mmCIF file of all heavy atoms, coordinates in Angstrom:
data_MODEL
# 
_entry.id   MODEL 
# 
loop_
_atom_site.group_PDB 
_atom_site.id 
_atom_site.type_symbol 
_atom_site.label_atom_id 
_atom_site.label_alt_id 
_atom_site.label_comp_id 
_atom_site.label_asym_id 
_atom_site.label_entity_id 
_atom_site.label_seq_id 
_atom_site.pdbx_PDB_ins_code 
_atom_site.Cartn_x 
_atom_site.Cartn_y 
_atom_site.Cartn_z 
_atom_site.occupancy 
_atom_site.B_iso_or_equiv 
_atom_site.pdbx_formal_charge 
_atom_site.auth_seq_id 
_atom_site.auth_comp_id 
_atom_site.auth_asym_id 
_atom_site.auth_atom_id 
_atom_site.pdbx_PDB_model_num 
ATOM 1   N N   . ARG A 1 1  ? 19.335 30.729 -2.379 1.00 0.00 ? 1  ARG A N   1 
ATOM 2   C CA  . ARG A 1 1  ? 19.825 31.571 -3.470 1.00 0.00 ? 1  ARG A CA  1 
ATOM 3   C C   . ARG A 1 1  ? 20.332 30.731 -4.638 1.00 0.00 ? 1  ARG A C   1 
ATOM 4   O O   . ARG A 1 1  ? 20.234 31.140 -5.787 1.00 0.00 ? 1  ARG A O   1 
ATOM 5   C CB  . ARG A 1 1  ? 20.929 32.502 -2.950 1.00 0.00 ? 1  ARG A CB  1 
ATOM 6   C CG  . ARG A 1 1  ? 20.391 33.691 -2.157 1.00 0.00 ? 1  ARG A CG  1 
ATOM 7   C CD  . ARG A 1 1  ? 21.471 34.649 -1.755 1.00 0.00 ? 1  ARG A CD  1 
ATOM 8   N NE  . ARG A 1 1  ? 22.339 34.103 -0.720 1.00 0.00 ? 1  ARG A NE  1 
ATOM 9   C CZ  . ARG A 1 1  ? 23.312 34.786 -0.122 1.00 0.00 ? 1  ARG A CZ  1 
ATOM 10  N NH1 . ARG A 1 1  ? 23.542 36.039 -0.477 1.00 0.00 ? 1  ARG A NH1 1 
ATOM 11  N NH2 . ARG A 1 1  ? 24.039 34.239 0.813  1.00 0.00 ? 1  ARG A NH2 1 
ATOM 12  N N   . ASN A 1 2  ? 20.866 29.558 -4.317 1.00 0.00 ? 2  ASN A N   1 
ATOM 13  C CA  . ASN A 1 2  ? 21.383 28.678 -5.357 1.00 0.00 ? 2  ASN A CA  1 
ATOM 14  C C   . ASN A 1 2  ? 20.807 27.272 -5.163 1.00 0.00 ? 2  ASN A C   1 
ATOM 15  O O   . ASN A 1 2  ? 21.312 26.501 -4.344 1.00 0.00 ? 2  ASN A O   1 
ATOM 16  C CB  . ASN A 1 2  ? 22.912 28.635 -5.302 1.00 0.00 ? 2  ASN A CB  1 
ATOM 17  C CG  . ASN A 1 2  ? 23.514 27.790 -6.417 1.00 0.00 ? 2  ASN A CG  1 
ATOM 18  O OD1 . ASN A 1 2  ? 22.788 27.210 -7.231 1.00 0.00 ? 2  ASN A OD1 1 
ATOM 19  N ND2 . ASN A 1 2  ? 24.827 27.720 -6.454 1.00 0.00 ? 2  ASN A ND2 1 
ATOM 20  N N   . PRO A 1 3  ? 19.767 26.913 -5.893 1.00 0.00 ? 3  PRO A N   1 
ATOM 21  C CA  . PRO A 1 3  ? 19.140 25.594 -5.718 1.00 0.00 ? 3  PRO A CA  1 
ATOM 22  C C   . PRO A 1 3  ? 20.096 24.427 -5.930 1.00 0.00 ? 3  PRO A C   1 
ATOM 23  O O   . PRO A 1 3  ? 19.874 23.340 -5.379 1.00 0.00 ? 3  PRO A O   1 
ATOM 24  C CB  . PRO A 1 3  ? 18.030 25.591 -6.780 1.00 0.00 ? 3  PRO A CB  1 
ATOM 25  C CG  . PRO A 1 3  ? 17.714 27.033 -6.994 1.00 0.00 ? 3  PRO A CG  1 
ATOM 26  C CD  . PRO A 1 3  ? 19.030 27.752 -6.853 1.00 0.00 ? 3  PRO A CD  1 
ATOM 27  N N   . ALA A 1 4  ? 21.150 24.624 -6.688 1.00 0.00 ? 4  ALA A N   1 
ATOM 28  C CA  . ALA A 1 4  ? 22.105 23.542 -6.919 1.00 0.00 ? 4  ALA A CA  1 
ATOM 29  C C   . ALA A 1 4  ? 22.801 23.108 -5.638 1.00 0.00 ? 4  ALA A C   1 
ATOM 30  O O   . ALA A 1 4  ? 23.330 21.996 -5.559 1.00 0.00 ? 4  ALA A O   1 
ATOM 31  C CB  . ALA A 1 4  ? 23.143 23.975 -7.953 1.00 0.00 ? 4  ALA A CB  1 
ATOM 32  N N   . LYS A 1 5  ? 22.784 23.964 -4.618 1.00 0.00 ? 5  LYS A N   1 
ATOM 33  C CA  . LYS A 1 5  ? 23.431 23.636 -3.352 1.00 0.00 ? 5  LYS A CA  1 
ATOM 34  C C   . LYS A 1 5  ? 22.516 22.858 -2.407 1.00 0.00 ? 5  LYS A C   1 
ATOM 35  O O   . LYS A 1 5  ? 22.905 22.557 -1.280 1.00 0.00 ? 5  LYS A O   1 
ATOM 36  C CB  . LYS A 1 5  ? 23.930 24.911 -2.670 1.00 0.00 ? 5  LYS A CB  1 
ATOM 37  C CG  . LYS A 1 5  ? 25.089 25.566 -3.414 1.00 0.00 ? 5  LYS A CG  1 
ATOM 38  C CD  . LYS A 1 5  ? 25.645 26.740 -2.639 1.00 0.00 ? 5  LYS A CD  1 
ATOM 39  C CE  . LYS A 1 5  ? 26.868 27.332 -3.353 1.00 0.00 ? 5  LYS A CE  1 
ATOM 40  N NZ  . LYS A 1 5  ? 27.447 28.471 -2.597 1.00 0.00 ? 5  LYS A NZ  1 
ATOM 41  N N   . LEU A 1 6  ? 21.302 22.551 -2.856 1.00 0.00 ? 6  LEU A N   1 
ATOM 42  C CA  . LEU A 1 6  ? 20.394 21.720 -2.065 1.00 0.00 ? 6  LEU A CA  1 
ATOM 43  C C   . LEU A 1 6  ? 19.937 20.547 -2.941 1.00 0.00 ? 6  LEU A C   1 
ATOM 44  O O   . LEU A 1 6  ? 18.794 20.494 -3.397 1.00 0.00 ? 6  LEU A O   1 
ATOM 45  C CB  . LEU A 1 6  ? 19.191 22.543 -1.592 1.00 0.00 ? 6  LEU A CB  1 
ATOM 46  C CG  . LEU A 1 6  ? 18.288 21.877 -0.537 1.00 0.00 ? 6  LEU A CG  1 
ATOM 47  C CD1 . LEU A 1 6  ? 19.058 21.639 0.760  1.00 0.00 ? 6  LEU A CD1 1 
ATOM 48  C CD2 . LEU A 1 6  ? 17.060 22.743 -0.267 1.00 0.00 ? 6  LEU A CD2 1 
ATOM 49  N N   . PRO A 1 7  ? 20.835 19.601 -3.192 1.00 0.00 ? 7  PRO A N   1 
ATOM 50  C CA  . PRO A 1 7  ? 20.560 18.533 -4.161 1.00 0.00 ? 7  PRO A CA  1 
ATOM 51  C C   . PRO A 1 7  ? 19.773 17.375 -3.557 1.00 0.00 ? 7  PRO A C   1 
ATOM 52  O O   . PRO A 1 7  ? 20.252 16.240 -3.486 1.00 0.00 ? 7  PRO A O   1 
ATOM 53  C CB  . PRO A 1 7  ? 21.973 18.094 -4.574 1.00 0.00 ? 7  PRO A CB  1 
ATOM 54  C CG  . PRO A 1 7  ? 22.789 18.300 -3.339 1.00 0.00 ? 7  PRO A CG  1 
ATOM 55  C CD  . PRO A 1 7  ? 22.203 19.510 -2.643 1.00 0.00 ? 7  PRO A CD  1 
ATOM 56  N N   . ILE A 1 8  ? 18.550 17.646 -3.113 1.00 0.00 ? 8  ILE A N   1 
ATOM 57  C CA  . ILE A 1 8  ? 17.700 16.583 -2.575 1.00 0.00 ? 8  ILE A CA  1 
ATOM 58  C C   . ILE A 1 8  ? 16.320 16.676 -3.228 1.00 0.00 ? 8  ILE A C   1 
ATOM 59  O O   . ILE A 1 8  ? 15.896 17.744 -3.679 1.00 0.00 ? 8  ILE A O   1 
ATOM 60  C CB  . ILE A 1 8  ? 17.558 16.658 -1.038 1.00 0.00 ? 8  ILE A CB  1 
ATOM 61  C CG1 . ILE A 1 8  ? 16.951 17.994 -0.609 1.00 0.00 ? 8  ILE A CG1 1 
ATOM 62  C CG2 . ILE A 1 8  ? 18.910 16.459 -0.366 1.00 0.00 ? 8  ILE A CG2 1 
ATOM 63  C CD1 . ILE A 1 8  ? 16.661 18.070 0.884  1.00 0.00 ? 8  ILE A CD1 1 
ATOM 64  N N   . THR A 1 9  ? 15.652 15.553 -3.269 1.00 0.00 ? 9  THR A N   1 
ATOM 65  C CA  . THR A 1 9  ? 14.288 15.516 -3.791 1.00 0.00 ? 9  THR A CA  1 
ATOM 66  C C   . THR A 1 9  ? 13.408 14.777 -2.802 1.00 0.00 ? 9  THR A C   1 
ATOM 67  O O   . THR A 1 9  ? 13.864 13.867 -2.098 1.00 0.00 ? 9  THR A O   1 
ATOM 68  C CB  . THR A 1 9  ? 14.227 14.798 -5.155 1.00 0.00 ? 9  THR A CB  1 
ATOM 69  O OG1 . THR A 1 9  ? 14.743 13.468 -5.002 1.00 0.00 ? 9  THR A OG1 1 
ATOM 70  C CG2 . THR A 1 9  ? 15.035 15.547 -6.198 1.00 0.00 ? 9  THR A CG2 1 
ATOM 71  N N   . HIS A 1 10 ? 12.158 15.194 -2.743 1.00 0.00 ? 10 HIS A N   1 
ATOM 72  C CA  . HIS A 1 10 ? 11.184 14.575 -1.841 1.00 0.00 ? 10 HIS A CA  1 
ATOM 73  C C   . HIS A 1 10 ? 9.810  15.007 -2.325 1.00 0.00 ? 10 HIS A C   1 
ATOM 74  O O   . HIS A 1 10 ? 9.634  16.153 -2.762 1.00 0.00 ? 10 HIS A O   1 
ATOM 75  C CB  . HIS A 1 10 ? 11.424 15.040 -0.395 1.00 0.00 ? 10 HIS A CB  1 
ATOM 76  C CG  . HIS A 1 10 ? 10.657 14.268 0.635  1.00 0.00 ? 10 HIS A CG  1 
ATOM 77  N ND1 . HIS A 1 10 ? 9.315  14.489 0.884  1.00 0.00 ? 10 HIS A ND1 1 
ATOM 78  C CD2 . HIS A 1 10 ? 11.047 13.278 1.481  1.00 0.00 ? 10 HIS A CD2 1 
ATOM 79  C CE1 . HIS A 1 10 ? 8.923  13.674 1.847  1.00 0.00 ? 10 HIS A CE1 1 
ATOM 80  N NE2 . HIS A 1 10 ? 9.954  12.930 2.219  1.00 0.00 ? 10 HIS A NE2 1 
ATOM 81  N N   . PRO A 1 11 ? 8.819  14.136 -2.243 1.00 0.00 ? 11 PRO A N   1 
ATOM 82  C CA  . PRO A 1 11 ? 7.487  14.523 -2.728 1.00 0.00 ? 11 PRO A CA  1 
ATOM 83  C C   . PRO A 1 11 ? 6.871  15.700 -1.979 1.00 0.00 ? 11 PRO A C   1 
ATOM 84  O O   . PRO A 1 11 ? 6.003  16.387 -2.525 1.00 0.00 ? 11 PRO A O   1 
ATOM 85  C CB  . PRO A 1 11 ? 6.658  13.248 -2.548 1.00 0.00 ? 11 PRO A CB  1 
ATOM 86  C CG  . PRO A 1 11 ? 7.451  12.377 -1.635 1.00 0.00 ? 11 PRO A CG  1 
ATOM 87  C CD  . PRO A 1 11 ? 8.884  12.721 -1.860 1.00 0.00 ? 11 PRO A CD  1 
ATOM 88  N N   . ASN A 1 12 ? 7.327  15.950 -0.747 1.00 0.00 ? 12 ASN A N   1 
ATOM 89  C CA  . ASN A 1 12 ? 6.782  17.064 0.028  1.00 0.00 ? 12 ASN A CA  1 
ATOM 90  C C   . ASN A 1 12 ? 7.703  18.282 0.059  1.00 0.00 ? 12 ASN A C   1 
ATOM 91  O O   . ASN A 1 12 ? 7.514  19.184 0.875  1.00 0.00 ? 12 ASN A O   1 
ATOM 92  C CB  . ASN A 1 12 ? 6.494  16.623 1.465  1.00 0.00 ? 12 ASN A CB  1 
ATOM 93  C CG  . ASN A 1 12 ? 5.336  15.653 1.549  1.00 0.00 ? 12 ASN A CG  1 
ATOM 94  O OD1 . ASN A 1 12 ? 4.427  15.695 0.724  1.00 0.00 ? 12 ASN A OD1 1 
ATOM 95  N ND2 . ASN A 1 12 ? 5.369  14.772 2.534  1.00 0.00 ? 12 ASN A ND2 1 
ATOM 96  N N   . LEU A 1 13 ? 8.698  18.296 -0.836 1.00 0.00 ? 13 LEU A N   1 
ATOM 97  C CA  . LEU A 1 13 ? 9.662  19.391 -0.867 1.00 0.00 ? 13 LEU A CA  1 
ATOM 98  C C   . LEU A 1 13 ? 9.573  20.177 -2.162 1.00 0.00 ? 13 LEU A C   1 
ATOM 99  O O   . LEU A 1 13 ? 9.599  19.606 -3.258 1.00 0.00 ? 13 LEU A O   1 
ATOM 100 C CB  . LEU A 1 13 ? 11.086 18.846 -0.712 1.00 0.00 ? 13 LEU A CB  1 
ATOM 101 C CG  . LEU A 1 13 ? 12.231 19.860 -0.879 1.00 0.00 ? 13 LEU A CG  1 
ATOM 102 C CD1 . LEU A 1 13 ? 12.199 20.912 0.224  1.00 0.00 ? 13 LEU A CD1 1 
ATOM 103 C CD2 . LEU A 1 13 ? 13.578 19.137 -0.888 1.00 0.00 ? 13 LEU A CD2 1 
ATOM 104 N N   . GLN A 1 14 ? 9.480  21.495 -2.017 1.00 0.00 ? 14 GLN A N   1 
ATOM 105 C CA  . GLN A 1 14 ? 9.585  22.405 -3.155 1.00 0.00 ? 14 GLN A CA  1 
ATOM 106 C C   . GLN A 1 14 ? 10.774 23.322 -2.910 1.00 0.00 ? 14 GLN A C   1 
ATOM 107 O O   . GLN A 1 14 ? 10.841 23.984 -1.876 1.00 0.00 ? 14 GLN A O   1 
ATOM 108 C CB  . GLN A 1 14 ? 8.314  23.227 -3.333 1.00 0.00 ? 14 GLN A CB  1 
ATOM 109 C CG  . GLN A 1 14 ? 8.378  24.197 -4.506 1.00 0.00 ? 14 GLN A CG  1 
ATOM 110 C CD  . GLN A 1 14 ? 7.144  25.087 -4.605 1.00 0.00 ? 14 GLN A CD  1 
ATOM 111 O OE1 . GLN A 1 14 ? 6.380  25.222 -3.651 1.00 0.00 ? 14 GLN A OE1 1 
ATOM 112 N NE2 . GLN A 1 14 ? 6.957  25.707 -5.758 1.00 0.00 ? 14 GLN A NE2 1 
ATOM 113 N N   . ILE A 1 15 ? 11.709 23.348 -3.841 1.00 0.00 ? 15 ILE A N   1 
ATOM 114 C CA  . ILE A 1 15 ? 12.881 24.214 -3.725 1.00 0.00 ? 15 ILE A CA  1 
ATOM 115 C C   . ILE A 1 15 ? 12.681 25.423 -4.627 1.00 0.00 ? 15 ILE A C   1 
ATOM 116 O O   . ILE A 1 15 ? 12.410 25.280 -5.822 1.00 0.00 ? 15 ILE A O   1 
ATOM 117 C CB  . ILE A 1 15 ? 14.165 23.457 -4.105 1.00 0.00 ? 15 ILE A CB  1 
ATOM 118 C CG1 . ILE A 1 15 ? 14.368 22.255 -3.177 1.00 0.00 ? 15 ILE A CG1 1 
ATOM 119 C CG2 . ILE A 1 15 ? 15.372 24.386 -4.043 1.00 0.00 ? 15 ILE A CG2 1 
ATOM 120 C CD1 . ILE A 1 15 ? 15.540 21.369 -3.558 1.00 0.00 ? 15 ILE A CD1 1 
ATOM 121 N N   . VAL A 1 16 ? 12.814 26.607 -4.053 1.00 0.00 ? 16 VAL A N   1 
ATOM 122 C CA  . VAL A 1 16 ? 12.563 27.848 -4.785 1.00 0.00 ? 16 VAL A CA  1 
ATOM 123 C C   . VAL A 1 16 ? 13.783 28.757 -4.665 1.00 0.00 ? 16 VAL A C   1 
ATOM 124 O O   . VAL A 1 16 ? 14.322 28.957 -3.572 1.00 0.00 ? 16 VAL A O   1 
ATOM 125 C CB  . VAL A 1 16 ? 11.319 28.576 -4.230 1.00 0.00 ? 16 VAL A CB  1 
ATOM 126 C CG1 . VAL A 1 16 ? 11.096 29.890 -4.978 1.00 0.00 ? 16 VAL A CG1 1 
ATOM 127 C CG2 . VAL A 1 16 ? 10.093 27.690 -4.311 1.00 0.00 ? 16 VAL A CG2 1 
ATOM 128 N N   . GLN A 1 17 ? 14.204 29.297 -5.775 1.00 0.00 ? 17 GLN A N   1 
ATOM 129 C CA  . GLN A 1 17 ? 15.310 30.251 -5.758 1.00 0.00 ? 17 GLN A CA  1 
ATOM 130 C C   . GLN A 1 17 ? 14.789 31.608 -5.305 1.00 0.00 ? 17 GLN A C   1 
ATOM 131 O O   . GLN A 1 17 ? 13.866 32.170 -5.895 1.00 0.00 ? 17 GLN A O   1 
ATOM 132 C CB  . GLN A 1 17 ? 15.942 30.368 -7.140 1.00 0.00 ? 17 GLN A CB  1 
ATOM 133 C CG  . GLN A 1 17 ? 17.174 31.256 -7.178 1.00 0.00 ? 17 GLN A CG  1 
ATOM 134 C CD  . GLN A 1 17 ? 17.886 31.206 -8.523 1.00 0.00 ? 17 GLN A CD  1 
ATOM 135 O OE1 . GLN A 1 17 ? 17.327 30.731 -9.507 1.00 0.00 ? 17 GLN A OE1 1 
ATOM 136 N NE2 . GLN A 1 17 ? 19.119 31.666 -8.571 1.00 0.00 ? 17 GLN A NE2 1 
ATOM 137 N N   . ALA A 1 18 ? 15.382 32.133 -4.244 1.00 0.00 ? 18 ALA A N   1 
ATOM 138 C CA  . ALA A 1 18 ? 14.963 33.427 -3.706 1.00 0.00 ? 18 ALA A CA  1 
ATOM 139 C C   . ALA A 1 18 ? 16.108 34.024 -2.899 1.00 0.00 ? 18 ALA A C   1 
ATOM 140 O O   . ALA A 1 18 ? 17.021 33.318 -2.469 1.00 0.00 ? 18 ALA A O   1 
ATOM 141 C CB  . ALA A 1 18 ? 13.716 33.263 -2.828 1.00 0.00 ? 18 ALA A CB  1 
ATOM 142 N N   . ASP A 1 19 ? 16.038 35.327 -2.699 1.00 0.00 ? 19 ASP A N   1 
ATOM 143 C CA  . ASP A 1 19 ? 17.072 36.051 -1.966 1.00 0.00 ? 19 ASP A CA  1 
ATOM 144 C C   . ASP A 1 19 ? 16.360 37.009 -1.016 1.00 0.00 ? 19 ASP A C   1 
ATOM 145 O O   . ASP A 1 19 ? 15.616 37.892 -1.457 1.00 0.00 ? 19 ASP A O   1 
ATOM 146 C CB  . ASP A 1 19 ? 17.962 36.819 -2.952 1.00 0.00 ? 19 ASP A CB  1 
ATOM 147 C CG  . ASP A 1 19 ? 19.124 37.543 -2.290 1.00 0.00 ? 19 ASP A CG  1 
ATOM 148 O OD1 . ASP A 1 19 ? 19.074 37.771 -1.071 1.00 0.00 ? 19 ASP A OD1 1 
ATOM 149 O OD2 . ASP A 1 19 ? 20.083 37.886 -3.003 1.00 0.00 ? 19 ASP A OD2 1 
ATOM 150 N N   . VAL A 1 20 ? 16.584 36.842 0.291  1.00 0.00 ? 20 VAL A N   1 
ATOM 151 C CA  . VAL A 1 20 ? 15.851 37.655 1.267  1.00 0.00 ? 20 VAL A CA  1 
ATOM 152 C C   . VAL A 1 20 ? 16.182 39.134 1.160  1.00 0.00 ? 20 VAL A C   1 
ATOM 153 O O   . VAL A 1 20 ? 15.433 39.968 1.673  1.00 0.00 ? 20 VAL A O   1 
ATOM 154 C CB  . VAL A 1 20 ? 16.092 37.177 2.718  1.00 0.00 ? 20 VAL A CB  1 
ATOM 155 C CG1 . VAL A 1 20 ? 15.503 35.803 2.941  1.00 0.00 ? 20 VAL A CG1 1 
ATOM 156 C CG2 . VAL A 1 20 ? 17.580 37.206 3.072  1.00 0.00 ? 20 VAL A CG2 1 
ATOM 157 N N   . THR A 1 21 ? 17.301 39.472 0.533  1.00 0.00 ? 21 THR A N   1 
ATOM 158 C CA  . THR A 1 21 ? 17.631 40.888 0.364  1.00 0.00 ? 21 THR A CA  1 
ATOM 159 C C   . THR A 1 21 ? 16.937 41.501 -0.844 1.00 0.00 ? 21 THR A C   1 
ATOM 160 O O   . THR A 1 21 ? 17.034 42.711 -1.071 1.00 0.00 ? 21 THR A O   1 
ATOM 161 C CB  . THR A 1 21 ? 19.153 41.085 0.235  1.00 0.00 ? 21 THR A CB  1 
ATOM 162 O OG1 . THR A 1 21 ? 19.618 40.472 -0.973 1.00 0.00 ? 21 THR A OG1 1 
ATOM 163 C CG2 . THR A 1 21 ? 19.879 40.495 1.425  1.00 0.00 ? 21 THR A CG2 1 
ATOM 164 N N   . ARG A 1 22 ? 16.252 40.661 -1.619 1.00 0.00 ? 22 ARG A N   1 
ATOM 165 C CA  . ARG A 1 22 ? 15.511 41.134 -2.792 1.00 0.00 ? 22 ARG A CA  1 
ATOM 166 C C   . ARG A 1 22 ? 14.028 40.800 -2.592 1.00 0.00 ? 22 ARG A C   1 
ATOM 167 O O   . ARG A 1 22 ? 13.597 39.686 -2.890 1.00 0.00 ? 22 ARG A O   1 
ATOM 168 C CB  . ARG A 1 22 ? 16.053 40.475 -4.061 1.00 0.00 ? 22 ARG A CB  1 
ATOM 169 C CG  . ARG A 1 22 ? 17.519 40.773 -4.313 1.00 0.00 ? 22 ARG A CG  1 
ATOM 170 C CD  . ARG A 1 22 ? 18.043 40.046 -5.543 1.00 0.00 ? 22 ARG A CD  1 
ATOM 171 N NE  . ARG A 1 22 ? 19.442 40.316 -5.766 1.00 0.00 ? 22 ARG A NE  1 
ATOM 172 C CZ  . ARG A 1 22 ? 19.926 41.348 -6.439 1.00 0.00 ? 22 ARG A CZ  1 
ATOM 173 N NH1 . ARG A 1 22 ? 19.082 42.230 -6.973 1.00 0.00 ? 22 ARG A NH1 1 
ATOM 174 N NH2 . ARG A 1 22 ? 21.227 41.518 -6.597 1.00 0.00 ? 22 ARG A NH2 1 
ATOM 175 N N   . PRO A 1 23 ? 13.260 41.744 -2.068 1.00 0.00 ? 23 PRO A N   1 
ATOM 176 C CA  . PRO A 1 23 ? 11.884 41.447 -1.675 1.00 0.00 ? 23 PRO A CA  1 
ATOM 177 C C   . PRO A 1 23 ? 11.009 40.914 -2.795 1.00 0.00 ? 23 PRO A C   1 
ATOM 178 O O   . PRO A 1 23 ? 10.108 40.107 -2.539 1.00 0.00 ? 23 PRO A O   1 
ATOM 179 C CB  . PRO A 1 23 ? 11.364 42.793 -1.134 1.00 0.00 ? 23 PRO A CB  1 
ATOM 180 C CG  . PRO A 1 23 ? 12.344 43.825 -1.605 1.00 0.00 ? 23 PRO A CG  1 
ATOM 181 C CD  . PRO A 1 23 ? 13.647 43.132 -1.759 1.00 0.00 ? 23 PRO A CD  1 
ATOM 182 N N   . LEU A 1 24 ? 11.254 41.326 -4.018 1.00 0.00 ? 24 LEU A N   1 
ATOM 183 C CA  . LEU A 1 24 ? 10.420 40.836 -5.115 1.00 0.00 ? 24 LEU A CA  1 
ATOM 184 C C   . LEU A 1 24 ? 10.571 39.330 -5.306 1.00 0.00 ? 24 LEU A C   1 
ATOM 185 O O   . LEU A 1 24 ? 9.630  38.656 -5.758 1.00 0.00 ? 24 LEU A O   1 
ATOM 186 C CB  . LEU A 1 24 ? 10.757 41.566 -6.416 1.00 0.00 ? 24 LEU A CB  1 
ATOM 187 C CG  . LEU A 1 24 ? 10.291 43.021 -6.506 1.00 0.00 ? 24 LEU A CG  1 
ATOM 188 C CD1 . LEU A 1 24 ? 10.721 43.634 -7.835 1.00 0.00 ? 24 LEU A CD1 1 
ATOM 189 C CD2 . LEU A 1 24 ? 8.776  43.121 -6.342 1.00 0.00 ? 24 LEU A CD2 1 
ATOM 190 N N   . SER A 1 25 ? 11.729 38.779 -4.937 1.00 0.00 ? 25 SER A N   1 
ATOM 191 C CA  . SER A 1 25 ? 11.936 37.335 -5.097 1.00 0.00 ? 25 SER A CA  1 
ATOM 192 C C   . SER A 1 25 ? 11.135 36.529 -4.087 1.00 0.00 ? 25 SER A C   1 
ATOM 193 O O   . SER A 1 25 ? 10.955 35.321 -4.252 1.00 0.00 ? 25 SER A O   1 
ATOM 194 C CB  . SER A 1 25 ? 13.426 36.998 -4.981 1.00 0.00 ? 25 SER A CB  1 
ATOM 195 O OG  . SER A 1 25 ? 13.877 37.074 -3.635 1.00 0.00 ? 25 SER A OG  1 
ATOM 196 N N   . LEU A 1 26 ? 10.633 37.192 -3.028 1.00 0.00 ? 26 LEU A N   1 
ATOM 197 C CA  . LEU A 1 26 ? 9.817  36.516 -2.012 1.00 0.00 ? 26 LEU A CA  1 
ATOM 198 C C   . LEU A 1 26 ? 8.324  36.648 -2.281 1.00 0.00 ? 26 LEU A C   1 
ATOM 199 O O   . LEU A 1 26 ? 7.522  35.959 -1.640 1.00 0.00 ? 26 LEU A O   1 
ATOM 200 C CB  . LEU A 1 26 ? 10.114 37.096 -0.624 1.00 0.00 ? 26 LEU A CB  1 
ATOM 201 C CG  . LEU A 1 26 ? 11.558 37.079 -0.139 1.00 0.00 ? 26 LEU A CG  1 
ATOM 202 C CD1 . LEU A 1 26 ? 11.663 37.772 1.216  1.00 0.00 ? 26 LEU A CD1 1 
ATOM 203 C CD2 . LEU A 1 26 ? 12.086 35.656 -0.047 1.00 0.00 ? 26 LEU A CD2 1 
ATOM 204 N N   . SER A 1 27 ? 7.965  37.493 -3.196 1.00 0.00 ? 27 SER A N   1 
ATOM 205 C CA  . SER A 1 27 ? 6.565  37.849 -3.400 1.00 0.00 ? 27 SER A CA  1 
ATOM 206 C C   . SER A 1 27 ? 5.693  36.627 -3.690 1.00 0.00 ? 27 SER A C   1 
ATOM 207 O O   . SER A 1 27 ? 5.968  35.854 -4.611 1.00 0.00 ? 27 SER A O   1 
ATOM 208 C CB  . SER A 1 27 ? 6.436  38.856 -4.542 1.00 0.00 ? 27 SER A CB  1 
ATOM 209 O OG  . SER A 1 27 ? 5.096  39.234 -4.735 1.00 0.00 ? 27 SER A OG  1 
ATOM 210 N N   . GLY A 1 28 ? 4.669  36.453 -2.878 1.00 0.00 ? 28 GLY A N   1 
ATOM 211 C CA  . GLY A 1 28 ? 3.698  35.390 -3.089 1.00 0.00 ? 28 GLY A CA  1 
ATOM 212 C C   . GLY A 1 28 ? 4.102  34.017 -2.596 1.00 0.00 ? 28 GLY A C   1 
ATOM 213 O O   . GLY A 1 28 ? 3.300  33.083 -2.650 1.00 0.00 ? 28 GLY A O   1 
# 
């Protein structure tokens, strides 16, 4: 929900802001 709380980087990591209680944020 808050990407700032996962302050790591890696070439195989993609961080996406989403909320499981909001289905549209999971779409695709």
